[in-house]
Amino acid sequence: MKLQVHSIHFDADIKLLEFIQSKLNKLDTFYDRITGGEVFLKVDKGDTKKVRSKMLEVKINLPGGTLFVKEQGKTFEEAMDIAIEALKIQLKRFKERIQDKANPTRNVLMSMAMES
């Protein structure tokens, strides 16, 4: 997947970039037509300067749609793990919608099977 990572007001470590890339590459197992994506990394200072939460925004481009997730965590890795789980759910729903549009009789057959 072609991925652009934007770290806002800081320089991201190469290990973090590789971690993000590897996690997002795993989404291809759920839907293989992902065209690209963007990741925005931000550090939120919060009320005190000691507590800094990490904000992560992921935008995934698909043919016919876009998925977006915004997560927050103590580390970027934690936020990425949460975002991946949310993206998996969104990808499954997107794929089901695409299949339902391609095969409208499937809905009728499913509802008939549920009734009996």
PDB file of N, CA and C in Angstrom:
ATOM      1  N   MET A   1       0.846  -1.171   0.000  1.00  0.00           N
ATOM      2  CA  MET A   1       0.000   0.000   0.000  1.00  0.00           C
ATOM      3  C   MET A   1       0.896   1.240   0.000  1.00  0.00           C
ATOM      4  N   LYS A   2       0.513   2.184  -0.808  1.00  0.00           N
ATOM      5  CA  LYS A   2       1.223   3.461  -0.870  1.00  0.00           C
ATOM      6  C   LYS A   2       0.756   4.318   0.308  1.00  0.00           C
ATOM      7  N   LEU A   3       1.691   4.685   1.171  1.00  0.00           N
ATOM      8  CA  LEU A   3       1.332   5.344   2.416  1.00  0.00           C
ATOM      9  C   LEU A   3       2.167   6.598   2.613  1.00  0.00           C
ATOM     10  N   GLN A   4       1.507   7.672   3.041  1.00  0.00           N
ATOM     11  CA  GLN A   4       2.188   8.916   3.396  1.00  0.00           C
ATOM     12  C   GLN A   4       1.994   9.142   4.889  1.00  0.00           C
ATOM     13  N   VAL A   5       3.104   9.387   5.592  1.00  0.00           N
ATOM     14  CA  VAL A   5       3.036   9.634   7.031  1.00  0.00           C
ATOM     15  C   VAL A   5       3.461  11.071   7.285  1.00  0.00           C
ATOM     16  N   HIS A   6       2.614  11.811   7.989  1.00  0.00           N
ATOM     17  CA  HIS A   6       2.894  13.205   8.323  1.00  0.00           C
ATOM     18  C   HIS A   6       3.026  13.320   9.838  1.00  0.00           C
ATOM     19  N   SER A   7       4.199  13.671  10.295  1.00  0.00           N
ATOM     20  CA  SER A   7       4.381  13.916  11.730  1.00  0.00           C
ATOM     21  C   SER A   7       4.379  15.427  11.932  1.00  0.00           C
ATOM     22  N   ILE A   8       3.449  15.898  12.726  1.00  0.00           N
ATOM     23  CA  ILE A   8       3.215  17.332  12.880  1.00  0.00           C
ATOM     24  C   ILE A   8       3.974  17.853  14.094  1.00  0.00           C
ATOM     25  N   HIS A   9       4.868  18.794  13.855  1.00  0.00           N
ATOM     26  CA  HIS A   9       5.687  19.474  14.865  1.00  0.00           C
ATOM     27  C   HIS A   9       6.726  18.573  15.543  1.00  0.00           C
ATOM     28  N   PHE A  10       7.090  17.468  14.910  1.00  0.00           N
ATOM     29  CA  PHE A  10       8.183  16.635  15.410  1.00  0.00           C
ATOM     30  C   PHE A  10       8.637  15.712  14.280  1.00  0.00           C
ATOM     31  N   ASP A  11       9.796  15.092  14.462  1.00  0.00           N
ATOM     32  CA  ASP A  11      10.309  14.138  13.488  1.00  0.00           C
ATOM     33  C   ASP A  11      10.069  12.729  14.001  1.00  0.00           C
ATOM     34  N   ALA A  12       9.388  11.924  13.210  1.00  0.00           N
ATOM     35  CA  ALA A  12       9.075  10.554  13.612  1.00  0.00           C
ATOM     36  C   ALA A  12      10.292   9.655  13.399  1.00  0.00           C
ATOM     37  N   ASP A  13      10.486   8.728  14.322  1.00  0.00           N
ATOM     38  CA  ASP A  13      11.566   7.757  14.247  1.00  0.00           C
ATOM     39  C   ASP A  13      11.288   6.757  13.124  1.00  0.00           C
ATOM     40  N   ILE A  14      12.327   6.259  12.503  1.00  0.00           N
ATOM     41  CA  ILE A  14      12.172   5.311  11.396  1.00  0.00           C
ATOM     42  C   ILE A  14      11.508   4.026  11.863  1.00  0.00           C
ATOM     43  N   LYS A  15      11.753   3.614  13.119  1.00  0.00           N
ATOM     44  CA  LYS A  15      11.112   2.407  13.650  1.00  0.00           C
ATOM     45  C   LYS A  15       9.603   2.594  13.749  1.00  0.00           C
ATOM     46  N   LEU A  16       9.178   3.777  14.141  1.00  0.00           N
ATOM     47  CA  LEU A  16       7.757   4.072  14.221  1.00  0.00           C
ATOM     48  C   LEU A  16       7.127   4.037  12.833  1.00  0.00           C
ATOM     49  N   LEU A  17       7.801   4.605  11.856  1.00  0.00           N
ATOM     50  CA  LEU A  17       7.285   4.606  10.486  1.00  0.00           C
ATOM     51  C   LEU A  17       7.166   3.184   9.943  1.00  0.00           C
ATOM     52  N   GLU A  18       8.166   2.345  10.220  1.00  0.00           N
ATOM     53  CA  GLU A  18       8.118   0.957   9.771  1.00  0.00           C
ATOM     54  C   GLU A  18       6.999   0.193  10.475  1.00  0.00           C
ATOM     55  N   PHE A  19       6.797   0.477  11.762  1.00  0.00           N
ATOM     56  CA  PHE A  19       5.722  -0.161  12.522  1.00  0.00           C
ATOM     57  C   PHE A  19       4.361   0.182  11.914  1.00  0.00           C
ATOM     58  N   ILE A  20       4.149   1.452  11.622  1.00  0.00           N
ATOM     59  CA  ILE A  20       2.888   1.905  11.037  1.00  0.00           C
ATOM     60  C   ILE A  20       2.668   1.260   9.674  1.00  0.00           C
ATOM     61  N   GLN A  21       3.717   1.237   8.849  1.00  0.00           N
ATOM     62  CA  GLN A  21       3.616   0.649   7.516  1.00  0.00           C
ATOM     63  C   GLN A  21       3.275  -0.839   7.602  1.00  0.00           C
ATOM     64  N   SER A  22       3.932  -1.562   8.502  1.00  0.00           N
ATOM     65  CA  SER A  22       3.673  -3.002   8.610  1.00  0.00           C
ATOM     66  C   SER A  22       2.256  -3.281   9.099  1.00  0.00           C
ATOM     67  N   LYS A  23       1.770  -2.493  10.055  1.00  0.00           N
ATOM     68  CA  LYS A  23       0.406  -2.678  10.559  1.00  0.00           C
ATOM     69  C   LYS A  23      -0.632  -2.419   9.466  1.00  0.00           C
ATOM     70  N   LEU A  24      -0.435  -1.347   8.708  1.00  0.00           N
ATOM     71  CA  LEU A  24      -1.406  -1.016   7.666  1.00  0.00           C
ATOM     72  C   LEU A  24      -1.331  -1.976   6.488  1.00  0.00           C
ATOM     73  N   ASN A  25      -0.168  -2.566   6.247  1.00  0.00           N
ATOM     74  CA  ASN A  25      -0.058  -3.558   5.174  1.00  0.00           C
ATOM     75  C   ASN A  25      -0.892  -4.798   5.477  1.00  0.00           C
ATOM     76  N   LYS A  26      -1.117  -5.082   6.747  1.00  0.00           N
ATOM     77  CA  LYS A  26      -1.911  -6.250   7.136  1.00  0.00           C
ATOM     78  C   LYS A  26      -3.385  -6.084   6.788  1.00  0.00           C
ATOM     79  N   LEU A  27      -3.809  -4.860   6.528  1.00  0.00           N
ATOM     80  CA  LEU A  27      -5.209  -4.632   6.150  1.00  0.00           C
ATOM     81  C   LEU A  27      -5.527  -5.225   4.784  1.00  0.00           C
ATOM     82  N   ASP A  28      -4.496  -5.485   3.985  1.00  0.00           N
ATOM     83  CA  ASP A  28      -4.717  -6.094   2.667  1.00  0.00           C
ATOM     84  C   ASP A  28      -5.339  -7.479   2.772  1.00  0.00           C
ATOM     85  N   THR A  29      -5.201  -8.135   3.919  1.00  0.00           N
ATOM     86  CA  THR A  29      -5.825  -9.451   4.078  1.00  0.00           C
ATOM     87  C   THR A  29      -7.345  -9.343   4.170  1.00  0.00           C
ATOM     88  N   PHE A  30      -7.857  -8.187   4.578  1.00  0.00           N
ATOM     89  CA  PHE A  30      -9.300  -7.993   4.692  1.00  0.00           C
ATOM     90  C   PHE A  30      -9.909  -7.443   3.399  1.00  0.00           C
ATOM     91  N   TYR A  31      -9.153  -6.596   2.717  1.00  0.00           N
ATOM     92  CA  TYR A  31      -9.643  -6.019   1.453  1.00  0.00           C
ATOM     93  C   TYR A  31      -8.424  -5.652   0.623  1.00  0.00           C
ATOM     94  N   ASP A  32      -8.249  -6.325  -0.498  1.00  0.00           N
ATOM     95  CA  ASP A  32      -7.014  -6.186  -1.263  1.00  0.00           C
ATOM     96  C   ASP A  32      -7.021  -5.046  -2.290  1.00  0.00           C
ATOM     97  N   ARG A  33      -8.065  -4.253  -2.316  1.00  0.00           N
ATOM     98  CA  ARG A  33      -8.135  -3.174  -3.303  1.00  0.00           C
ATOM     99  C   ARG A  33      -7.842  -1.795  -2.705  1.00  0.00           C
ATOM    100  N   ILE A  34      -7.133  -1.756  -1.590  1.00  0.00           N
ATOM    101  CA  ILE A  34      -6.764  -0.480  -0.964  1.00  0.00           C
ATOM    102  C   ILE A  34      -5.747   0.209  -1.864  1.00  0.00           C
ATOM    103  N   THR A  35      -6.026   1.461  -2.218  1.00  0.00           N
ATOM    104  CA  THR A  35      -5.152   2.177  -3.138  1.00  0.00           C
ATOM    105  C   THR A  35      -4.066   2.980  -2.439  1.00  0.00           C
ATOM    106  N   GLY A  36      -4.317   3.429  -1.240  1.00  0.00           N
ATOM    107  CA  GLY A  36      -3.311   4.225  -0.534  1.00  0.00           C
ATOM    108  C   GLY A  36      -3.863   4.748   0.768  1.00  0.00           C
ATOM    109  N   GLY A  37      -3.029   5.547   1.434  1.00  0.00           N
ATOM    110  CA  GLY A  37      -3.481   6.095   2.696  1.00  0.00           C
ATOM    111  C   GLY A  37      -2.573   7.179   3.218  1.00  0.00           C
ATOM    112  N   GLU A  38      -3.069   7.874   4.216  1.00  0.00           N
ATOM    113  CA  GLU A  38      -2.309   8.929   4.882  1.00  0.00           C
ATOM    114  C   GLU A  38      -2.434   8.727   6.391  1.00  0.00           C
ATOM    115  N   VAL A  39      -1.339   9.003   7.092  1.00  0.00           N
ATOM    116  CA  VAL A  39      -1.324   8.917   8.540  1.00  0.00           C
ATOM    117  C   VAL A  39      -0.808  10.244   9.082  1.00  0.00           C
ATOM    118  N   PHE A  40      -1.526  10.799  10.047  1.00  0.00           N
ATOM    119  CA  PHE A  40      -1.113  12.042  10.690  1.00  0.00           C
ATOM    120  C   PHE A  40      -0.791  11.742  12.146  1.00  0.00           C
ATOM    121  N   LEU A  41       0.395  12.115  12.586  1.00  0.00           N
ATOM    122  CA  LEU A  41       0.844  11.899  13.952  1.00  0.00           C
ATOM    123  C   LEU A  41       0.955  13.241  14.653  1.00  0.00           C
ATOM    124  N   LYS A  42       0.304  13.362  15.819  1.00  0.00           N
ATOM    125  CA  LYS A  42       0.328  14.609  16.574  1.00  0.00           C
ATOM    126  C   LYS A  42       0.595  14.308  18.038  1.00  0.00           C
ATOM    127  N   VAL A  43       1.287  15.215  18.717  1.00  0.00           N
ATOM    128  CA  VAL A  43       1.504  15.105  20.145  1.00  0.00           C
ATOM    129  C   VAL A  43       0.649  16.171  20.816  1.00  0.00           C
ATOM    130  N   ASP A  44      -0.255  15.727  21.698  1.00  0.00           N
ATOM    131  CA  ASP A  44      -1.151  16.633  22.402  1.00  0.00           C
ATOM    132  C   ASP A  44      -0.571  16.905  23.782  1.00  0.00           C
ATOM    133  N   LYS A  45      -0.291  18.167  24.094  1.00  0.00           N
ATOM    134  CA  LYS A  45       0.333  18.517  25.367  1.00  0.00           C
ATOM    135  C   LYS A  45      -0.602  18.311  26.548  1.00  0.00           C
ATOM    136  N   GLY A  46      -1.867  18.536  26.376  1.00  0.00           N
ATOM    137  CA  GLY A  46      -2.816  18.366  27.472  1.00  0.00           C
ATOM    138  C   GLY A  46      -2.711  19.511  28.473  1.00  0.00           C
ATOM    139  N   ASP A  47      -3.217  19.281  29.680  1.00  0.00           N
ATOM    140  CA  ASP A  47      -3.217  20.311  30.717  1.00  0.00           C
ATOM    141  C   ASP A  47      -1.829  20.545  31.296  1.00  0.00           C
ATOM    142  N   THR A  48      -1.091  19.462  31.497  1.00  0.00           N
ATOM    143  CA  THR A  48       0.256  19.604  32.035  1.00  0.00           C
ATOM    144  C   THR A  48       1.263  19.165  30.985  1.00  0.00           C
ATOM    145  N   LYS A  49       2.441  19.683  31.075  1.00  0.00           N
ATOM    146  CA  LYS A  49       3.444  19.346  30.079  1.00  0.00           C
ATOM    147  C   LYS A  49       4.000  17.935  30.269  1.00  0.00           C
ATOM    148  N   LYS A  50       3.822  17.353  31.457  1.00  0.00           N
ATOM    149  CA  LYS A  50       4.318  15.995  31.706  1.00  0.00           C
ATOM    150  C   LYS A  50       3.473  14.955  30.971  1.00  0.00           C
ATOM    151  N   VAL A  51       2.170  15.148  30.955  1.00  0.00           N
ATOM    152  CA  VAL A  51       1.278  14.181  30.326  1.00  0.00           C
ATOM    153  C   VAL A  51       1.082  14.587  28.874  1.00  0.00           C
ATOM    154  N   ARG A  52       1.607  13.760  28.000  1.00  0.00           N
ATOM    155  CA  ARG A  52       1.470  14.036  26.569  1.00  0.00           C
ATOM    156  C   ARG A  52       0.813  12.838  25.904  1.00  0.00           C
ATOM    157  N   SER A  53      -0.396  13.024  25.437  1.00  0.00           N
ATOM    158  CA  SER A  53      -1.052  11.936  24.723  1.00  0.00           C
ATOM    159  C   SER A  53      -0.723  12.046  23.243  1.00  0.00           C
ATOM    160  N   LYS A  54      -0.712  10.921  22.602  1.00  0.00           N
ATOM    161  CA  LYS A  54      -0.379  10.850  21.182  1.00  0.00           C
ATOM    162  C   LYS A  54      -1.665  10.668  20.390  1.00  0.00           C
ATOM    163  N   MET A  55      -1.827  11.479  19.364  1.00  0.00           N
ATOM    164  CA  MET A  55      -3.009  11.386  18.510  1.00  0.00           C
ATOM    165  C   MET A  55      -2.589  10.874  17.147  1.00  0.00           C
ATOM    166  N   LEU A  56      -3.395   9.961  16.617  1.00  0.00           N
ATOM    167  CA  LEU A  56      -3.109   9.334  15.340  1.00  0.00           C
ATOM    168  C   LEU A  56      -4.361   9.381  14.490  1.00  0.00           C
ATOM    169  N   GLU A  57      -4.229   9.857  13.274  1.00  0.00           N
ATOM    170  CA  GLU A  57      -5.349   9.881  12.331  1.00  0.00           C
ATOM    171  C   GLU A  57      -4.940   9.084  11.107  1.00  0.00           C
ATOM    172  N   VAL A  58      -5.810   8.181  10.682  1.00  0.00           N
ATOM    173  CA  VAL A  58      -5.525   7.342   9.519  1.00  0.00           C
ATOM    174  C   VAL A  58      -6.646   7.523   8.510  1.00  0.00           C
ATOM    175  N   LYS A  59      -6.263   7.782   7.280  1.00  0.00           N
ATOM    176  CA  LYS A  59      -7.212   7.921   6.185  1.00  0.00           C
ATOM    177  C   LYS A  59      -6.828   6.889   5.123  1.00  0.00           C
ATOM    178  N   ILE A  60      -7.748   5.986   4.798  1.00  0.00           N
ATOM    179  CA  ILE A  60      -7.498   4.925   3.829  1.00  0.00           C
ATOM    180  C   ILE A  60      -8.349   5.194   2.595  1.00  0.00           C
ATOM    181  N   ASN A  61      -7.715   5.189   1.429  1.00  0.00           N
ATOM    182  CA  ASN A  61      -8.411   5.417   0.172  1.00  0.00           C
ATOM    183  C   ASN A  61      -8.756   4.077  -0.483  1.00  0.00           C
ATOM    184  N   LEU A  62     -10.018   3.938  -0.855  1.00  0.00           N
ATOM    185  CA  LEU A  62     -10.518   2.745  -1.525  1.00  0.00           C
ATOM    186  C   LEU A  62     -11.236   3.169  -2.789  1.00  0.00           C
ATOM    187  N   PRO A  63     -11.327   2.282  -3.769  1.00  0.00           N
ATOM    188  CA  PRO A  63     -12.155   2.629  -4.926  1.00  0.00           C
ATOM    189  C   PRO A  63     -13.618   2.712  -4.500  1.00  0.00           C
ATOM    190  N   GLY A  64     -14.187   3.884  -4.588  1.00  0.00           N
ATOM    191  CA  GLY A  64     -15.579   4.083  -4.192  1.00  0.00           C
ATOM    192  C   GLY A  64     -15.770   4.557  -2.771  1.00  0.00           C
ATOM    193  N   GLY A  65     -14.705   4.902  -2.074  1.00  0.00           N
ATOM    194  CA  GLY A  65     -14.897   5.364  -0.712  1.00  0.00           C
ATOM    195  C   GLY A  65     -13.593   5.668   0.008  1.00  0.00           C
ATOM    196  N   THR A  66     -13.746   6.209   1.211  1.00  0.00           N
ATOM    197  CA  THR A  66     -12.616   6.554   2.069  1.00  0.00           C
ATOM    198  C   THR A  66     -12.979   6.172   3.499  1.00  0.00           C
ATOM    199  N   LEU A  67     -12.017   5.590   4.201  1.00  0.00           N
ATOM    200  CA  LEU A  67     -12.202   5.253   5.609  1.00  0.00           C
ATOM    201  C   LEU A  67     -11.332   6.182   6.443  1.00  0.00           C
ATOM    202  N   PHE A  68     -11.835   6.583   7.607  1.00  0.00           N
ATOM    203  CA  PHE A  68     -11.093   7.499   8.461  1.00  0.00           C
ATOM    204  C   PHE A  68     -11.224   7.069   9.912  1.00  0.00           C
ATOM    205  N   VAL A  69     -10.094   7.090  10.623  1.00  0.00           N
ATOM    206  CA  VAL A  69     -10.071   6.745  12.042  1.00  0.00           C
ATOM    207  C   VAL A  69      -9.198   7.761  12.757  1.00  0.00           C
ATOM    208  N   LYS A  70      -9.662   8.205  13.929  1.00  0.00           N
ATOM    209  CA  LYS A  70      -8.894   9.114  14.768  1.00  0.00           C
ATOM    210  C   LYS A  70      -8.826   8.497  16.153  1.00  0.00           C
ATOM    211  N   GLU A  71      -7.612   8.189  16.602  1.00  0.00           N
ATOM    212  CA  GLU A  71      -7.434   7.525  17.896  1.00  0.00           C
ATOM    213  C   GLU A  71      -6.389   8.251  18.726  1.00  0.00           C
ATOM    214  N   GLN A  72      -6.430   7.990  20.027  1.00  0.00           N
ATOM    215  CA  GLN A  72      -5.527   8.626  20.967  1.00  0.00           C
ATOM    216  C   GLN A  72      -5.017   7.567  21.937  1.00  0.00           C
ATOM    217  N   GLY A  73      -3.747   7.684  22.349  1.00  0.00           N
ATOM    218  CA  GLY A  73      -3.177   6.740  23.296  1.00  0.00           C
ATOM    219  C   GLY A  73      -1.954   7.320  23.977  1.00  0.00           C
ATOM    220  N   LYS A  74      -1.385   6.536  24.887  1.00  0.00           N
ATOM    221  CA  LYS A  74      -0.175   6.980  25.575  1.00  0.00           C
ATOM    222  C   LYS A  74       1.023   6.968  24.637  1.00  0.00           C
ATOM    223  N   THR A  75       1.016   6.014  23.687  1.00  0.00           N
ATOM    224  CA  THR A  75       2.075   5.941  22.674  1.00  0.00           C
ATOM    225  C   THR A  75       1.422   5.849  21.306  1.00  0.00           C
ATOM    226  N   PHE A  76       2.216   6.111  20.280  1.00  0.00           N
ATOM    227  CA  PHE A  76       1.692   5.986  18.919  1.00  0.00           C
ATOM    228  C   PHE A  76       1.385   4.528  18.592  1.00  0.00           C
ATOM    229  N   GLU A  77       2.163   3.610  19.151  1.00  0.00           N
ATOM    230  CA  GLU A  77       1.938   2.194  18.896  1.00  0.00           C
ATOM    231  C   GLU A  77       0.590   1.752  19.463  1.00  0.00           C
ATOM    232  N   GLU A  78       0.272   2.213  20.670  1.00  0.00           N
ATOM    233  CA  GLU A  78      -1.019   1.886  21.284  1.00  0.00           C
ATOM    234  C   GLU A  78      -2.163   2.469  20.458  1.00  0.00           C
ATOM    235  N   ALA A  79      -2.026   3.706  20.037  1.00  0.00           N
ATOM    236  CA  ALA A  79      -3.060   4.343  19.219  1.00  0.00           C
ATOM    237  C   ALA A  79      -3.216   3.627  17.876  1.00  0.00           C
ATOM    238  N   MET A  80      -2.089   3.148  17.322  1.00  0.00           N
ATOM    239  CA  MET A  80      -2.139   2.439  16.046  1.00  0.00           C
ATOM    240  C   MET A  80      -2.870   1.110  16.193  1.00  0.00           C
ATOM    241  N   ASP A  81      -2.626   0.397  17.284  1.00  0.00           N
ATOM    242  CA  ASP A  81      -3.315  -0.874  17.506  1.00  0.00           C
ATOM    243  C   ASP A  81      -4.827  -0.675  17.600  1.00  0.00           C
ATOM    244  N   ILE A  82      -5.250   0.369  18.295  1.00  0.00           N
ATOM    245  CA  ILE A  82      -6.680   0.671  18.411  1.00  0.00           C
ATOM    246  C   ILE A  82      -7.254   1.050  17.046  1.00  0.00           C
ATOM    247  N   ALA A  83      -6.502   1.843  16.299  1.00  0.00           N
ATOM    248  CA  ALA A  83      -6.959   2.282  14.972  1.00  0.00           C
ATOM    249  C   ALA A  83      -7.083   1.108  14.006  1.00  0.00           C
ATOM    250  N   ILE A  84      -6.162   0.162  14.074  1.00  0.00           N
ATOM    251  CA  ILE A  84      -6.210  -1.005  13.187  1.00  0.00           C
ATOM    252  C   ILE A  84      -7.478  -1.817  13.440  1.00  0.00           C
ATOM    253  N   GLU A  85      -7.828  -1.999  14.712  1.00  0.00           N
ATOM    254  CA  GLU A  85      -9.049  -2.750  15.026  1.00  0.00           C
ATOM    255  C   GLU A  85     -10.285  -2.038  14.467  1.00  0.00           C
ATOM    256  N   ALA A  86     -10.320  -0.714  14.589  1.00  0.00           N
ATOM    257  CA  ALA A  86     -11.447   0.056  14.050  1.00  0.00           C
ATOM    258  C   ALA A  86     -11.479  -0.022  12.522  1.00  0.00           C
ATOM    259  N   LEU A  87     -10.314   0.027  11.893  1.00  0.00           N
ATOM    260  CA  LEU A  87     -10.255  -0.054  10.431  1.00  0.00           C
ATOM    261  C   LEU A  87     -10.669  -1.431   9.927  1.00  0.00           C
ATOM    262  N   LYS A  88     -10.346  -2.479  10.668  1.00  0.00           N
ATOM    263  CA  LYS A  88     -10.772  -3.823  10.268  1.00  0.00           C
ATOM    264  C   LYS A  88     -12.293  -3.899  10.210  1.00  0.00           C
ATOM    265  N   ILE A  89     -12.943  -3.349  11.229  1.00  0.00           N
ATOM    266  CA  ILE A  89     -14.406  -3.356  11.267  1.00  0.00           C
ATOM    267  C   ILE A  89     -14.978  -2.550  10.106  1.00  0.00           C
ATOM    268  N   GLN A  90     -14.408  -1.369   9.870  1.00  0.00           N
ATOM    269  CA  GLN A  90     -14.891  -0.526   8.774  1.00  0.00           C
ATOM    270  C   GLN A  90     -14.683  -1.204   7.420  1.00  0.00           C
ATOM    271  N   LEU A  91     -13.540  -1.873   7.247  1.00  0.00           N
ATOM    272  CA  LEU A  91     -13.273  -2.559   5.982  1.00  0.00           C
ATOM    273  C   LEU A  91     -14.250  -3.703   5.747  1.00  0.00           C
ATOM    274  N   LYS A  92     -14.559  -4.457   6.787  1.00  0.00           N
ATOM    275  CA  LYS A  92     -15.511  -5.557   6.648  1.00  0.00           C
ATOM    276  C   LYS A  92     -16.882  -5.031   6.257  1.00  0.00           C
ATOM    277  N   ARG A  93     -17.313  -3.939   6.886  1.00  0.00           N
ATOM    278  CA  ARG A  93     -18.616  -3.342   6.546  1.00  0.00           C
ATOM    279  C   ARG A  93     -18.614  -2.807   5.117  1.00  0.00           C
ATOM    280  N   PHE A  94     -17.520  -2.156   4.729  1.00  0.00           N
ATOM    281  CA  PHE A  94     -17.414  -1.619   3.374  1.00  0.00           C
ATOM    282  C   PHE A  94     -17.494  -2.749   2.353  1.00  0.00           C
ATOM    283  N   LYS A  95     -16.781  -3.822   2.617  1.00  0.00           N
ATOM    284  CA  LYS A  95     -16.762  -4.965   1.709  1.00  0.00           C
ATOM    285  C   LYS A  95     -18.155  -5.587   1.603  1.00  0.00           C
ATOM    286  N   GLU A  96     -18.874  -5.695   2.725  1.00  0.00           N
ATOM    287  CA  GLU A  96     -20.232  -6.238   2.701  1.00  0.00           C
ATOM    288  C   GLU A  96     -21.163  -5.361   1.881  1.00  0.00           C
ATOM    289  N   ARG A  97     -21.023  -4.034   2.022  1.00  0.00           N
ATOM    290  CA  ARG A  97     -21.864  -3.118   1.240  1.00  0.00           C
ATOM    291  C   ARG A  97     -21.596  -3.264  -0.250  1.00  0.00           C
ATOM    292  N   ILE A  98     -20.324  -3.406  -0.598  1.00  0.00           N
ATOM    293  CA  ILE A  98     -19.970  -3.576  -2.012  1.00  0.00           C
ATOM    294  C   ILE A  98     -20.552  -4.877  -2.548  1.00  0.00           C
ATOM    295  N   GLN A  99     -20.462  -5.951  -1.774  1.00  0.00           N
ATOM    296  CA  GLN A  99     -21.003  -7.234  -2.202  1.00  0.00           C
ATOM    297  C   GLN A  99     -22.512  -7.194  -2.306  1.00  0.00           C
ATOM    298  N   ASP A 100     -23.172  -6.484  -1.386  1.00  0.00           N
ATOM    299  CA  ASP A 100     -24.627  -6.370  -1.437  1.00  0.00           C
ATOM    300  C   ASP A 100     -25.085  -5.606  -2.668  1.00  0.00           C
ATOM    301  N   LYS A 101     -24.338  -4.584  -3.058  1.00  0.00           N
ATOM    302  CA  LYS A 101     -24.687  -3.831  -4.262  1.00  0.00           C
ATOM    303  C   LYS A 101     -24.465  -4.669  -5.512  1.00  0.00           C
ATOM    304  N   ALA A 102     -23.422  -5.507  -5.494  1.00  0.00           N
ATOM    305  CA  ALA A 102     -23.114  -6.339  -6.658  1.00  0.00           C
ATOM    306  C   ALA A 102     -24.097  -7.502  -6.792  1.00  0.00           C
ATOM    307  N   ASN A 103     -24.648  -7.986  -5.682  1.00  0.00           N
ATOM    308  CA  ASN A 103     -25.537  -9.137  -5.698  1.00  0.00           C
ATOM    309  C   ASN A 103     -26.785  -8.829  -4.862  1.00  0.00           C
ATOM    310  N   PRO A 104     -27.760  -8.099  -5.432  1.00  0.00           N
ATOM    311  CA  PRO A 104     -28.934  -7.714  -4.648  1.00  0.00           C
ATOM    312  C   PRO A 104     -29.821  -8.893  -4.261  1.00  0.00           C
ATOM    313  N   THR A 105     -29.778  -9.988  -4.979  1.00  0.00           N
ATOM    314  CA  THR A 105     -30.608 -11.146  -4.627  1.00  0.00           C
ATOM    315  C   THR A 105     -30.107 -11.813  -3.356  1.00  0.00           C
ATOM    316  N   ARG A 106     -28.878 -11.566  -2.990  1.00  0.00           N
ATOM    317  CA  ARG A 106     -28.314 -12.143  -1.771  1.00  0.00           C
ATOM    318  C   ARG A 106     -29.118 -11.702  -0.546  1.00  0.00           C
ATOM    319  N   ASN A 107     -29.514 -10.420  -0.528  1.00  0.00           N
ATOM    320  CA  ASN A 107     -30.288  -9.910   0.600  1.00  0.00           C
ATOM    321  C   ASN A 107     -31.636 -10.628   0.723  1.00  0.00           C
ATOM    322  N   VAL A 108     -32.279 -10.857  -0.392  1.00  0.00           N
ATOM    323  CA  VAL A 108     -33.576 -11.525  -0.388  1.00  0.00           C
ATOM    324  C   VAL A 108     -33.412 -12.962   0.111  1.00  0.00           C
ATOM    325  N   LEU A 109     -32.395 -13.650  -0.396  1.00  0.00           N
ATOM    326  CA  LEU A 109     -32.155 -15.034   0.024  1.00  0.00           C
ATOM    327  C   LEU A 109     -31.803 -15.106   1.506  1.00  0.00           C
ATOM    328  N   MET A 110     -31.022 -14.155   2.003  1.00  0.00           N
ATOM    329  CA  MET A 110     -30.645 -14.137   3.410  1.00  0.00           C
ATOM    330  C   MET A 110     -31.863 -13.914   4.291  1.00  0.00           C
ATOM    331  N   SER A 111     -32.738 -12.987   3.883  1.00  0.00           N
ATOM    332  CA  SER A 111     -33.926 -12.702   4.707  1.00  0.00           C
ATOM    333  C   SER A 111     -34.897 -13.887   4.674  1.00  0.00           C
ATOM    334  N   MET A 112     -34.986 -14.573   3.539  1.00  0.00           N
ATOM    335  CA  MET A 112     -35.849 -15.750   3.443  1.00  0.00           C
ATOM    336  C   MET A 112     -35.311 -16.875   4.328  1.00  0.00           C
ATOM    337  N   ALA A 113     -34.011 -17.033   4.374  1.00  0.00           N
ATOM    338  CA  ALA A 113     -33.393 -18.073   5.204  1.00  0.00           C
ATOM    339  C   ALA A 113     -33.587 -17.763   6.683  1.00  0.00           C
ATOM    340  N   MET A 114     -33.546 -16.476   7.039  1.00  0.00           N
ATOM    341  CA  MET A 114     -33.731 -16.083   8.438  1.00  0.00           C
ATOM    342  C   MET A 114     -35.162 -16.329   8.900  1.00  0.00           C
ATOM    343  N   GLU A 115     -36.134 -16.119   8.008  1.00  0.00           N
ATOM    344  CA  GLU A 115     -37.532 -16.293   8.368  1.00  0.00           C
ATOM    345  C   GLU A 115     -37.896 -17.747   8.600  1.00  0.00           C
ATOM    346  N   SER A 116     -37.287 -18.644   7.827  1.00  0.00           N
ATOM    347  CA  SER A 116     -37.643 -20.063   7.958  1.00  0.00           C
ATOM    348  C   SER A 116     -36.803 -20.810   8.935  1.00  0.00           C
TER     349      SER A 116
END
